Every structure is written in C-alpha cells, then in structure tokens.
Amino acid sequence: MKLILAIVSNDDSGAVSSALTREGYPVTKLATTGGFLMAGNTTFISGVDDERVDGVISIISKYSSRRTQVVPSSSTASSADMSMYSSYPVEVTVGGSTIFVLNVDRYEKV
C-alpha cells in the first residue's frame, strides 16, 4: 500500500478532486499555503494499493498544469543618502503539482 501526497494549485484543485472521485480513488483535501508566492494550494492525501499509484498520478498530471504568471517584485537601490524602492514585474512558473509517494507499513480503518 502507498500513501500519495500531492500538492496542487488551488486553480486546479477542483478538476483534480472531481476526477479522482469520479474514478473511485479515496482522497482527502487539505487547504495549504505555498512558500515562494504564499499562494493557496490544496494538498491531496490518498491511500491506494501499489498497482493504483500510476492511475492517481496520471489523473493529477492531467488536471494540474504549469503556467506562467507575472508577479510584482521589488529591489532597493541606494543613491548617496537616498534609498529608492522600485517595483517591477517578474514572470514565474506556477501550477503543476508536487507528488510524494510513501510506503505504508500499516493501515487500519476502524
């Protein structure tokens, strides 16, 4: 048995959740926050038999896509005794998914 942890962008979480449920995979959703952009994510937790892992990963990959987004960035420049603050847009890649597959030594449903 495997435990799958998948971190997916909130933009994709509805489609991922619907597809996993429709295909009969057990899934739990947790609201999480990412690091770099402090953007909302959804972490999916699913416990499945070894032979079903590829099916879960396939669905997550199909419904979570990488895309670029322009976000404000800032820099501080010092000129003589003055500090200048400027903001400029930076294009970053967002979305997609990060998936961890862990071995489960013991599983009980009580």
PDB file of N, CA and C in Angstrom:
ATOM      1  N   MET A   1       0.843  -1.173   0.000  1.00  0.00           N
ATOM      2  CA  MET A   1       0.000   0.000   0.000  1.00  0.00           C
ATOM      3  C   MET A   1       0.889   1.236   0.000  1.00  0.00           C
ATOM      4  N   LYS A   2       0.409   2.290  -0.646  1.00  0.00           N
ATOM      5  CA  LYS A   2       1.139   3.556  -0.749  1.00  0.00           C
ATOM      6  C   LYS A   2       0.262   4.704  -0.268  1.00  0.00           C
ATOM      7  N   LEU A   3       0.923   5.721   0.249  1.00  0.00           N
ATOM      8  CA  LEU A   3       0.271   6.972   0.613  1.00  0.00           C
ATOM      9  C   LEU A   3       0.773   8.027  -0.351  1.00  0.00           C
ATOM     10  N   ILE A   4      -0.148   8.666  -1.056  1.00  0.00           N
ATOM     11  CA  ILE A   4       0.212   9.696  -2.022  1.00  0.00           C
ATOM     12  C   ILE A   4      -0.141  11.049  -1.440  1.00  0.00           C
ATOM     13  N   LEU A   5       0.851  11.947  -1.407  1.00  0.00           N
ATOM     14  CA  LEU A   5       0.641  13.336  -1.016  1.00  0.00           C
ATOM     15  C   LEU A   5       0.884  14.169  -2.268  1.00  0.00           C
ATOM     16  N   ALA A   6      -0.112  14.910  -2.696  1.00  0.00           N
ATOM     17  CA  ALA A   6       0.016  15.719  -3.909  1.00  0.00           C
ATOM     18  C   ALA A   6      -0.357  17.151  -3.604  1.00  0.00           C
ATOM     19  N   ILE A   7       0.571  18.064  -3.855  1.00  0.00           N
ATOM     20  CA  ILE A   7       0.338  19.494  -3.642  1.00  0.00           C
ATOM     21  C   ILE A   7       0.002  20.098  -4.995  1.00  0.00           C
ATOM     22  N   VAL A   8      -1.193  20.668  -5.081  1.00  0.00           N
ATOM     23  CA  VAL A   8      -1.742  21.156  -6.342  1.00  0.00           C
ATOM     24  C   VAL A   8      -2.210  22.594  -6.151  1.00  0.00           C
ATOM     25  N   SER A   9      -2.054  23.411  -7.184  1.00  0.00           N
ATOM     26  CA  SER A   9      -2.538  24.788  -7.150  1.00  0.00           C
ATOM     27  C   SER A   9      -4.047  24.816  -6.925  1.00  0.00           C
ATOM     28  N   ASN A  10      -4.531  25.798  -6.175  1.00  0.00           N
ATOM     29  CA  ASN A  10      -5.972  25.944  -5.970  1.00  0.00           C
ATOM     30  C   ASN A  10      -6.717  26.078  -7.292  1.00  0.00           C
ATOM     31  N   ASP A  11      -6.067  26.668  -8.295  1.00  0.00           N
ATOM     32  CA  ASP A  11      -6.709  26.829  -9.599  1.00  0.00           C
ATOM     33  C   ASP A  11      -7.061  25.487 -10.222  1.00  0.00           C
ATOM     34  N   ASP A  12      -6.326  24.444  -9.900  1.00  0.00           N
ATOM     35  CA  ASP A  12      -6.527  23.124 -10.490  1.00  0.00           C
ATOM     36  C   ASP A  12      -7.209  22.138  -9.549  1.00  0.00           C
ATOM     37  N   SER A  13      -7.372  22.496  -8.296  1.00  0.00           N
ATOM     38  CA  SER A  13      -7.806  21.512  -7.301  1.00  0.00           C
ATOM     39  C   SER A  13      -9.210  20.973  -7.541  1.00  0.00           C
ATOM     40  N   GLY A  14     -10.116  21.795  -8.032  1.00  0.00           N
ATOM     41  CA  GLY A  14     -11.479  21.325  -8.279  1.00  0.00           C
ATOM     42  C   GLY A  14     -11.516  20.233  -9.322  1.00  0.00           C
ATOM     43  N   ALA A  15     -10.795  20.429 -10.422  1.00  0.00           N
ATOM     44  CA  ALA A  15     -10.762  19.438 -11.500  1.00  0.00           C
ATOM     45  C   ALA A  15     -10.077  18.154 -11.039  1.00  0.00           C
ATOM     46  N   VAL A  16      -8.989  18.289 -10.282  1.00  0.00           N
ATOM     47  CA  VAL A  16      -8.271  17.112  -9.776  1.00  0.00           C
ATOM     48  C   VAL A  16      -9.165  16.326  -8.826  1.00  0.00           C
ATOM     49  N   SER A  17      -9.800  17.026  -7.899  1.00  0.00           N
ATOM     50  CA  SER A  17     -10.668  16.376  -6.920  1.00  0.00           C
ATOM     51  C   SER A  17     -11.821  15.640  -7.599  1.00  0.00           C
ATOM     52  N   SER A  18     -12.471  16.297  -8.547  1.00  0.00           N
ATOM     53  CA  SER A  18     -13.592  15.676  -9.261  1.00  0.00           C
ATOM     54  C   SER A  18     -13.160  14.431 -10.021  1.00  0.00           C
ATOM     55  N   ALA A  19     -12.021  14.514 -10.701  1.00  0.00           N
ATOM     56  CA  ALA A  19     -11.541  13.382 -11.492  1.00  0.00           C
ATOM     57  C   ALA A  19     -11.157  12.196 -10.597  1.00  0.00           C
ATOM     58  N   LEU A  20     -10.468  12.463  -9.490  1.00  0.00           N
ATOM     59  CA  LEU A  20     -10.088  11.376  -8.586  1.00  0.00           C
ATOM     60  C   LEU A  20     -11.325  10.693  -7.999  1.00  0.00           C
ATOM     61  N   THR A  21     -12.294  11.494  -7.594  1.00  0.00           N
ATOM     62  CA  THR A  21     -13.526  10.952  -7.014  1.00  0.00           C
ATOM     63  C   THR A  21     -14.308  10.160  -8.059  1.00  0.00           C
ATOM     64  N   ARG A  22     -14.420  10.705  -9.259  1.00  0.00           N
ATOM     65  CA  ARG A  22     -15.153  10.049 -10.352  1.00  0.00           C
ATOM     66  C   ARG A  22     -14.551   8.668 -10.677  1.00  0.00           C
ATOM     67  N   GLU A  23     -13.216   8.557 -10.574  1.00  0.00           N
ATOM     68  CA  GLU A  23     -12.544   7.293 -10.876  1.00  0.00           C
ATOM     69  C   GLU A  23     -12.483   6.347  -9.673  1.00  0.00           C
ATOM     70  N   GLY A  24     -13.066   6.764  -8.549  1.00  0.00           N
ATOM     71  CA  GLY A  24     -13.173   5.886  -7.388  1.00  0.00           C
ATOM     72  C   GLY A  24     -11.967   5.846  -6.474  1.00  0.00           C
ATOM     73  N   TYR A  25     -11.086   6.836  -6.569  1.00  0.00           N
ATOM     74  CA  TYR A  25      -9.925   6.875  -5.675  1.00  0.00           C
ATOM     75  C   TYR A  25     -10.307   7.578  -4.377  1.00  0.00           C
ATOM     76  N   PRO A  26      -9.918   7.026  -3.241  1.00  0.00           N
ATOM     77  CA  PRO A  26     -10.181   7.708  -1.976  1.00  0.00           C
ATOM     78  C   PRO A  26      -9.261   8.921  -1.863  1.00  0.00           C
ATOM     79  N   VAL A  27      -9.802  10.052  -1.461  1.00  0.00           N
ATOM     80  CA  VAL A  27      -8.972  11.254  -1.395  1.00  0.00           C
ATOM     81  C   VAL A  27      -9.464  12.175  -0.283  1.00  0.00           C
ATOM     82  N   THR A  28      -8.514  12.786   0.393  1.00  0.00           N
ATOM     83  CA  THR A  28      -8.790  13.811   1.395  1.00  0.00           C
ATOM     84  C   THR A  28      -8.103  15.084   0.942  1.00  0.00           C
ATOM     85  N   LYS A  29      -8.818  16.211   1.041  1.00  0.00           N
ATOM     86  CA  LYS A  29      -8.270  17.508   0.627  1.00  0.00           C
ATOM     87  C   LYS A  29      -7.948  18.355   1.846  1.00  0.00           C
ATOM     88  N   LEU A  30      -6.781  18.986   1.808  1.00  0.00           N
ATOM     89  CA  LEU A  30      -6.378  19.924   2.859  1.00  0.00           C
ATOM     90  C   LEU A  30      -6.013  21.253   2.217  1.00  0.00           C
ATOM     91  N   ALA A  31      -6.491  22.355   2.774  1.00  0.00           N
ATOM     92  CA  ALA A  31      -6.092  23.672   2.292  1.00  0.00           C
ATOM     93  C   ALA A  31      -4.702  23.980   2.835  1.00  0.00           C
ATOM     94  N   THR A  32      -3.768  24.324   1.945  1.00  0.00           N
ATOM     95  CA  THR A  32      -2.398  24.622   2.350  1.00  0.00           C
ATOM     96  C   THR A  32      -1.929  25.895   1.657  1.00  0.00           C
ATOM     97  N   THR A  33      -0.804  26.434   2.117  1.00  0.00           N
ATOM     98  CA  THR A  33      -0.238  27.642   1.532  1.00  0.00           C
ATOM     99  C   THR A  33       1.195  27.363   1.117  1.00  0.00           C
ATOM    100  N   GLY A  34       1.526  27.784  -0.117  1.00  0.00           N
ATOM    101  CA  GLY A  34       2.870  27.566  -0.642  1.00  0.00           C
ATOM    102  C   GLY A  34       3.855  28.576  -0.095  1.00  0.00           C
ATOM    103  N   GLY A  35       5.127  28.324  -0.345  1.00  0.00           N
ATOM    104  CA  GLY A  35       6.194  29.147   0.197  1.00  0.00           C
ATOM    105  C   GLY A  35       6.511  30.394  -0.587  1.00  0.00           C
ATOM    106  N   PHE A  36       7.014  30.254  -1.806  1.00  0.00           N
ATOM    107  CA  PHE A  36       7.567  31.382  -2.547  1.00  0.00           C
ATOM    108  C   PHE A  36       6.552  32.493  -2.789  1.00  0.00           C
ATOM    109  N   LEU A  37       5.399  32.173  -3.349  1.00  0.00           N
ATOM    110  CA  LEU A  37       4.393  33.193  -3.648  1.00  0.00           C
ATOM    111  C   LEU A  37       3.338  33.301  -2.564  1.00  0.00           C
ATOM    112  N   MET A  38       3.431  32.462  -1.539  1.00  0.00           N
ATOM    113  CA  MET A  38       2.431  32.410  -0.479  1.00  0.00           C
ATOM    114  C   MET A  38       1.033  32.234  -1.067  1.00  0.00           C
ATOM    115  N   ALA A  39       0.955  31.467  -2.131  1.00  0.00           N
ATOM    116  CA  ALA A  39      -0.306  31.231  -2.822  1.00  0.00           C
ATOM    117  C   ALA A  39      -1.019  30.033  -2.217  1.00  0.00           C
ATOM    118  N   GLY A  40      -2.331  30.025  -2.369  1.00  0.00           N
ATOM    119  CA  GLY A  40      -3.120  28.920  -1.864  1.00  0.00           C
ATOM    120  C   GLY A  40      -2.913  27.665  -2.686  1.00  0.00           C
ATOM    121  N   ASN A  41      -2.792  26.566  -1.996  1.00  0.00           N
ATOM    122  CA  ASN A  41      -2.661  25.258  -2.622  1.00  0.00           C
ATOM    123  C   ASN A  41      -3.653  24.317  -1.977  1.00  0.00           C
ATOM    124  N   THR A  42      -3.806  23.170  -2.587  1.00  0.00           N
ATOM    125  CA  THR A  42      -4.571  22.087  -1.988  1.00  0.00           C
ATOM    126  C   THR A  42      -3.642  20.887  -1.923  1.00  0.00           C
ATOM    127  N   THR A  43      -3.577  20.254  -0.763  1.00  0.00           N
ATOM    128  CA  THR A  43      -2.812  19.029  -0.623  1.00  0.00           C
ATOM    129  C   THR A  43      -3.797  17.869  -0.584  1.00  0.00           C
ATOM    130  N   PHE A  44      -3.631  16.951  -1.528  1.00  0.00           N
ATOM    131  CA  PHE A  44      -4.470  15.758  -1.595  1.00  0.00           C
ATOM    132  C   PHE A  44      -3.731  14.616  -0.929  1.00  0.00           C
ATOM    133  N   ILE A  45      -4.453  13.838  -0.129  1.00  0.00           N
ATOM    134  CA  ILE A  45      -3.907  12.650   0.517  1.00  0.00           C
ATOM    135  C   ILE A  45      -4.741  11.465   0.049  1.00  0.00           C
ATOM    136  N   SER A  46      -4.068  10.448  -0.460  1.00  0.00           N
ATOM    137  CA  SER A  46      -4.785   9.271  -0.942  1.00  0.00           C
ATOM    138  C   SER A  46      -3.987   8.020  -0.607  1.00  0.00           C
ATOM    139  N   GLY A  47      -4.630   7.067   0.014  1.00  0.00           N
ATOM    140  CA  GLY A  47      -4.023   5.774   0.298  1.00  0.00           C
ATOM    141  C   GLY A  47      -4.544   4.754  -0.697  1.00  0.00           C
ATOM    142  N   VAL A  48      -3.652   4.166  -1.492  1.00  0.00           N
ATOM    143  CA  VAL A  48      -4.075   3.218  -2.528  1.00  0.00           C
ATOM    144  C   VAL A  48      -3.137   2.010  -2.564  1.00  0.00           C
ATOM    145  N   ASP A  49      -3.639   0.931  -3.162  1.00  0.00           N
ATOM    146  CA  ASP A  49      -2.796  -0.240  -3.390  1.00  0.00           C
ATOM    147  C   ASP A  49      -1.714   0.126  -4.401  1.00  0.00           C
ATOM    148  N   ASP A  50      -0.594  -0.579  -4.329  1.00  0.00           N
ATOM    149  CA  ASP A  50       0.564  -0.277  -5.176  1.00  0.00           C
ATOM    150  C   ASP A  50       0.215  -0.157  -6.654  1.00  0.00           C
ATOM    151  N   GLU A  51      -0.635  -1.041  -7.146  1.00  0.00           N
ATOM    152  CA  GLU A  51      -0.946  -1.045  -8.577  1.00  0.00           C
ATOM    153  C   GLU A  51      -1.838   0.117  -9.019  1.00  0.00           C
ATOM    154  N   ARG A  52      -2.375   0.884  -8.085  1.00  0.00           N
ATOM    155  CA  ARG A  52      -3.236   2.019  -8.430  1.00  0.00           C
ATOM    156  C   ARG A  52      -2.501   3.364  -8.387  1.00  0.00           C
ATOM    157  N   VAL A  53      -1.245   3.359  -7.966  1.00  0.00           N
ATOM    158  CA  VAL A  53      -0.482   4.606  -7.832  1.00  0.00           C
ATOM    159  C   VAL A  53      -0.373   5.342  -9.168  1.00  0.00           C
ATOM    160  N   ASP A  54      -0.034   4.638 -10.225  1.00  0.00           N
ATOM    161  CA  ASP A  54       0.130   5.285 -11.525  1.00  0.00           C
ATOM    162  C   ASP A  54      -1.165   5.926 -12.010  1.00  0.00           C
ATOM    163  N   GLY A  55      -2.304   5.320 -11.700  1.00  0.00           N
ATOM    164  CA  GLY A  55      -3.596   5.895 -12.079  1.00  0.00           C
ATOM    165  C   GLY A  55      -3.841   7.225 -11.388  1.00  0.00           C
ATOM    166  N   VAL A  56      -3.524   7.311 -10.094  1.00  0.00           N
ATOM    167  CA  VAL A  56      -3.687   8.568  -9.346  1.00  0.00           C
ATOM    168  C   VAL A  56      -2.756   9.632  -9.919  1.00  0.00           C
ATOM    169  N   ILE A  57      -1.502   9.284 -10.134  1.00  0.00           N
ATOM    170  CA  ILE A  57      -0.535  10.252 -10.656  1.00  0.00           C
ATOM    171  C   ILE A  57      -0.945  10.717 -12.049  1.00  0.00           C
ATOM    172  N   SER A  58      -1.464   9.826 -12.856  1.00  0.00           N
ATOM    173  CA  SER A  58      -1.903  10.185 -14.200  1.00  0.00           C
ATOM    174  C   SER A  58      -3.026  11.219 -14.158  1.00  0.00           C
ATOM    175  N   ILE A  59      -3.985  11.019 -13.281  1.00  0.00           N
ATOM    176  CA  ILE A  59      -5.095  11.975 -13.159  1.00  0.00           C
ATOM    177  C   ILE A  59      -4.596  13.317 -12.664  1.00  0.00           C
ATOM    178  N   ILE A  60      -3.758  13.317 -11.650  1.00  0.00           N
ATOM    179  CA  ILE A  60      -3.237  14.581 -11.116  1.00  0.00           C
ATOM    180  C   ILE A  60      -2.454  15.323 -12.194  1.00  0.00           C
ATOM    181  N   SER A  61      -1.632  14.603 -12.938  1.00  0.00           N
ATOM    182  CA  SER A  61      -0.847  15.221 -14.006  1.00  0.00           C
ATOM    183  C   SER A  61      -1.738  15.793 -15.105  1.00  0.00           C
ATOM    184  N   LYS A  62      -2.795  15.090 -15.431  1.00  0.00           N
ATOM    185  CA  LYS A  62      -3.691  15.527 -16.500  1.00  0.00           C
ATOM    186  C   LYS A  62      -4.428  16.816 -16.143  1.00  0.00           C
ATOM    187  N   TYR A  63      -4.824  16.947 -14.884  1.00  0.00           N
ATOM    188  CA  TYR A  63      -5.658  18.076 -14.482  1.00  0.00           C
ATOM    189  C   TYR A  63      -4.924  19.195 -13.747  1.00  0.00           C
ATOM    190  N   SER A  64      -3.624  19.086 -13.592  1.00  0.00           N
ATOM    191  CA  SER A  64      -2.859  20.185 -12.989  1.00  0.00           C
ATOM    192  C   SER A  64      -1.775  20.593 -13.974  1.00  0.00           C
ATOM    193  N   SER A  65      -1.801  21.840 -14.380  1.00  0.00           N
ATOM    194  CA  SER A  65      -0.874  22.273 -15.432  1.00  0.00           C
ATOM    195  C   SER A  65       0.002  23.425 -14.948  1.00  0.00           C
ATOM    196  N   ARG A  66       1.211  23.460 -15.486  1.00  0.00           N
ATOM    197  CA  ARG A  66       2.122  24.569 -15.203  1.00  0.00           C
ATOM    198  C   ARG A  66       1.781  25.716 -16.139  1.00  0.00           C
ATOM    199  N   ARG A  67       1.901  26.923 -15.627  1.00  0.00           N
ATOM    200  CA  ARG A  67       1.678  28.109 -16.435  1.00  0.00           C
ATOM    201  C   ARG A  67       2.515  29.242 -15.876  1.00  0.00           C
ATOM    202  N   THR A  68       2.676  30.281 -16.653  1.00  0.00           N
ATOM    203  CA  THR A  68       3.448  31.425 -16.171  1.00  0.00           C
ATOM    204  C   THR A  68       2.500  32.499 -15.658  1.00  0.00           C
ATOM    205  N   GLN A  69       3.001  33.252 -14.698  1.00  0.00           N
ATOM    206  CA  GLN A  69       2.224  34.323 -14.077  1.00  0.00           C
ATOM    207  C   GLN A  69       3.174  35.474 -13.824  1.00  0.00           C
ATOM    208  N   VAL A  70       2.703  36.682 -14.031  1.00  0.00           N
ATOM    209  CA  VAL A  70       3.514  37.858 -13.759  1.00  0.00           C
ATOM    210  C   VAL A  70       3.187  38.335 -12.350  1.00  0.00           C
ATOM    211  N   VAL A  71       4.228  38.463 -11.530  1.00  0.00           N
ATOM    212  CA  VAL A  71       4.056  38.911 -10.150  1.00  0.00           C
ATOM    213  C   VAL A  71       4.967  40.099  -9.894  1.00  0.00           C
ATOM    214  N   PRO A  72       4.558  40.991  -9.003  1.00  0.00           N
ATOM    215  CA  PRO A  72       5.430  42.125  -8.700  1.00  0.00           C
ATOM    216  C   PRO A  72       6.644  41.686  -7.894  1.00  0.00           C
ATOM    217  N   SER A  73       7.772  42.278  -8.213  1.00  0.00           N
ATOM    218  CA  SER A  73       8.998  42.037  -7.469  1.00  0.00           C
ATOM    219  C   SER A  73       9.544  43.393  -7.094  1.00  0.00           C
ATOM    220  N   SER A  74      10.449  43.429  -6.167  1.00  0.00           N
ATOM    221  CA  SER A  74      10.973  44.733  -5.766  1.00  0.00           C
ATOM    222  C   SER A  74      12.467  44.655  -5.523  1.00  0.00           C
ATOM    223  N   SER A  75      13.099  45.798  -5.651  1.00  0.00           N
ATOM    224  CA  SER A  75      14.514  45.910  -5.323  1.00  0.00           C
ATOM    225  C   SER A  75      14.737  47.266  -4.677  1.00  0.00           C
ATOM    226  N   THR A  76      15.785  47.347  -3.907  1.00  0.00           N
ATOM    227  CA  THR A  76      16.136  48.599  -3.260  1.00  0.00           C
ATOM    228  C   THR A  76      17.502  49.032  -3.773  1.00  0.00           C
ATOM    229  N   ALA A  77      17.577  50.253  -4.250  1.00  0.00           N
ATOM    230  CA  ALA A  77      18.838  50.802  -4.740  1.00  0.00           C
ATOM    231  C   ALA A  77      19.200  51.998  -3.883  1.00  0.00           C
ATOM    232  N   SER A  78      20.450  52.100  -3.547  1.00  0.00           N
ATOM    233  CA  SER A  78      20.893  53.211  -2.722  1.00  0.00           C
ATOM    234  C   SER A  78      21.678  54.207  -3.577  1.00  0.00           C
ATOM    235  N   SER A  79      21.302  55.454  -3.483  1.00  0.00           N
ATOM    236  CA  SER A  79      21.989  56.516  -4.219  1.00  0.00           C
ATOM    237  C   SER A  79      22.289  57.629  -3.233  1.00  0.00           C
ATOM    238  N   ALA A  80      23.579  57.833  -2.941  1.00  0.00           N
ATOM    239  CA  ALA A  80      24.027  58.814  -1.943  1.00  0.00           C
ATOM    240  C   ALA A  80      23.352  58.492  -0.613  1.00  0.00           C
ATOM    241  N   ASP A  81      22.592  59.431  -0.068  1.00  0.00           N
ATOM    242  CA  ASP A  81      21.915  59.207   1.204  1.00  0.00           C
ATOM    243  C   ASP A  81      20.459  58.781   1.007  1.00  0.00           C
ATOM    244  N   MET A  82      20.063  58.513  -0.216  1.00  0.00           N
ATOM    245  CA  MET A  82      18.671  58.207  -0.517  1.00  0.00           C
ATOM    246  C   MET A  82      18.497  56.741  -0.874  1.00  0.00           C
ATOM    247  N   SER A  83      17.454  56.155  -0.403  1.00  0.00           N
ATOM    248  CA  SER A  83      17.093  54.804  -0.834  1.00  0.00           C
ATOM    249  C   SER A  83      15.938  54.914  -1.807  1.00  0.00           C
ATOM    250  N   MET A  84      16.047  54.153  -2.874  1.00  0.00           N
ATOM    251  CA  MET A  84      14.971  54.149  -3.859  1.00  0.00           C
ATOM    252  C   MET A  84      14.357  52.760  -3.873  1.00  0.00           C
ATOM    253  N   TYR A  85      13.067  52.733  -3.929  1.00  0.00           N
ATOM    254  CA  TYR A  85      12.339  51.478  -3.968  1.00  0.00           C
ATOM    255  C   TYR A  85      11.650  51.396  -5.316  1.00  0.00           C
ATOM    256  N   SER A  86      11.929  50.330  -6.044  1.00  0.00           N
ATOM    257  CA  SER A  86      11.267  50.168  -7.333  1.00  0.00           C
ATOM    258  C   SER A  86      10.605  48.800  -7.401  1.00  0.00           C
ATOM    259  N   SER A  87       9.496  48.762  -8.080  1.00  0.00           N
ATOM    260  CA  SER A  87       8.770  47.528  -8.263  1.00  0.00           C
ATOM    261  C   SER A  87       8.712  47.229  -9.755  1.00  0.00           C
ATOM    262  N   TYR A  88       8.961  45.994 -10.095  1.00  0.00           N
ATOM    263  CA  TYR A  88       8.922  45.614 -11.491  1.00  0.00           C
ATOM    264  C   TYR A  88       8.336  44.208 -11.596  1.00  0.00           C
ATOM    265  N   PRO A  89       7.651  43.917 -12.699  1.00  0.00           N
ATOM    266  CA  PRO A  89       7.033  42.596 -12.834  1.00  0.00           C
ATOM    267  C   PRO A  89       8.063  41.521 -13.193  1.00  0.00           C
ATOM    268  N   VAL A  90       7.845  40.348 -12.658  1.00  0.00           N
ATOM    269  CA  VAL A  90       8.700  39.191 -12.930  1.00  0.00           C
ATOM    270  C   VAL A  90       7.786  38.035 -13.327  1.00  0.00           C
ATOM    271  N   GLU A  91       8.163  37.320 -14.375  1.00  0.00           N
ATOM    272  CA  GLU A  91       7.384  36.175 -14.804  1.00  0.00           C
ATOM    273  C   GLU A  91       7.894  34.913 -14.095  1.00  0.00           C
ATOM    274  N   VAL A  92       6.984  34.195 -13.430  1.00  0.00           N
ATOM    275  CA  VAL A  92       7.341  32.971 -12.719  1.00  0.00           C
ATOM    276  C   VAL A  92       6.437  31.832 -13.184  1.00  0.00           C
ATOM    277  N   THR A  93       6.911  30.624 -13.021  1.00  0.00           N
ATOM    278  CA  THR A  93       6.116  29.442 -13.353  1.00  0.00           C
ATOM    279  C   THR A  93       5.334  29.020 -12.116  1.00  0.00           C
ATOM    280  N   VAL A  94       4.035  28.849 -12.274  1.00  0.00           N
ATOM    281  CA  VAL A  94       3.165  28.418 -11.176  1.00  0.00           C
ATOM    282  C   VAL A  94       2.359  27.209 -11.636  1.00  0.00           C
ATOM    283  N   GLY A  95       1.662  26.610 -10.710  1.00  0.00           N
ATOM    284  CA  GLY A  95       0.802  25.481 -11.055  1.00  0.00           C
ATOM    285  C   GLY A  95       1.569  24.180 -11.108  1.00  0.00           C
ATOM    286  N   GLY A  96       0.970  23.233 -11.795  1.00  0.00           N
ATOM    287  CA  GLY A  96       1.559  21.904 -11.809  1.00  0.00           C
ATOM    288  C   GLY A  96       1.285  21.218 -10.477  1.00  0.00           C
ATOM    289  N   SER A  97       2.060  20.234 -10.173  1.00  0.00           N
ATOM    290  CA  SER A  97       1.868  19.534  -8.911  1.00  0.00           C
ATOM    291  C   SER A  97       3.190  18.969  -8.412  1.00  0.00           C
ATOM    292  N   THR A  98       3.251  18.778  -7.122  1.00  0.00           N
ATOM    293  CA  THR A  98       4.375  18.100  -6.491  1.00  0.00           C
ATOM    294  C   THR A  98       3.794  16.870  -5.809  1.00  0.00           C
ATOM    295  N   ILE A  99       4.305  15.704  -6.165  1.00  0.00           N
ATOM    296  CA  ILE A  99       3.714  14.453  -5.694  1.00  0.00           C
ATOM    297  C   ILE A  99       4.755  13.628  -4.941  1.00  0.00           C
ATOM    298  N   PHE A 100       4.363  13.168  -3.765  1.00  0.00           N
ATOM    299  CA  PHE A 100       5.196  12.276  -2.957  1.00  0.00           C
ATOM    300  C   PHE A 100       4.462  10.945  -2.830  1.00  0.00           C
ATOM    301  N   VAL A 101       5.176   9.849  -3.015  1.00  0.00           N
ATOM    302  CA  VAL A 101       4.606   8.512  -2.836  1.00  0.00           C
ATOM    303  C   VAL A 101       5.398   7.840  -1.718  1.00  0.00           C
ATOM    304  N   LEU A 102       4.690   7.467  -0.661  1.00  0.00           N
ATOM    305  CA  LEU A 102       5.322   6.892   0.527  1.00  0.00           C
ATOM    306  C   LEU A 102       4.828   5.471   0.768  1.00  0.00           C
ATOM    307  N   ASN A 103       5.712   4.627   1.247  1.00  0.00           N
ATOM    308  CA  ASN A 103       5.310   3.273   1.635  1.00  0.00           C
ATOM    309  C   ASN A 103       4.496   3.333   2.927  1.00  0.00           C
ATOM    310  N   VAL A 104       3.493   2.487   3.013  1.00  0.00           N
ATOM    311  CA  VAL A 104       2.672   2.391   4.226  1.00  0.00           C
ATOM    312  C   VAL A 104       2.962   1.053   4.874  1.00  0.00           C
ATOM    313  N   ASP A 105       3.501   1.084   6.071  1.00  0.00           N
ATOM    314  CA  ASP A 105       3.805  -0.153   6.786  1.00  0.00           C
ATOM    315  C   ASP A 105       2.561  -0.777   7.395  1.00  0.00           C
ATOM    316  N   ARG A 106       1.625   0.072   7.789  1.00  0.00           N
ATOM    317  CA  ARG A 106       0.425  -0.430   8.436  1.00  0.00           C
ATOM    318  C   ARG A 106      -0.741   0.478   8.115  1.00  0.00           C
ATOM    319  N   TYR A 107      -1.885  -0.126   7.872  1.00  0.00           N
ATOM    320  CA  TYR A 107      -3.093   0.630   7.552  1.00  0.00           C
ATOM    321  C   TYR A 107      -4.263  -0.012   8.276  1.00  0.00           C
ATOM    322  N   GLU A 108      -5.026   0.782   8.975  1.00  0.00           N
ATOM    323  CA  GLU A 108      -6.222   0.284   9.660  1.00  0.00           C
ATOM    324  C   GLU A 108      -7.340   1.262   9.446  1.00  0.00           C
ATOM    325  N   LYS A 109      -8.514   0.721   9.203  1.00  0.00           N
ATOM    326  CA  LYS A 109      -9.713   1.566   9.098  1.00  0.00           C
ATOM    327  C   LYS A 109     -10.670   1.069  10.176  1.00  0.00           C
ATOM    328  N   VAL A 110     -10.874   1.872  11.202  1.00  0.00           N
ATOM    329  CA  VAL A 110     -11.719   1.453  12.324  1.00  0.00           C
ATOM    330  C   VAL A 110     -12.937   2.323  12.477  1.00  0.00           C
TER     331      VAL A 110
END
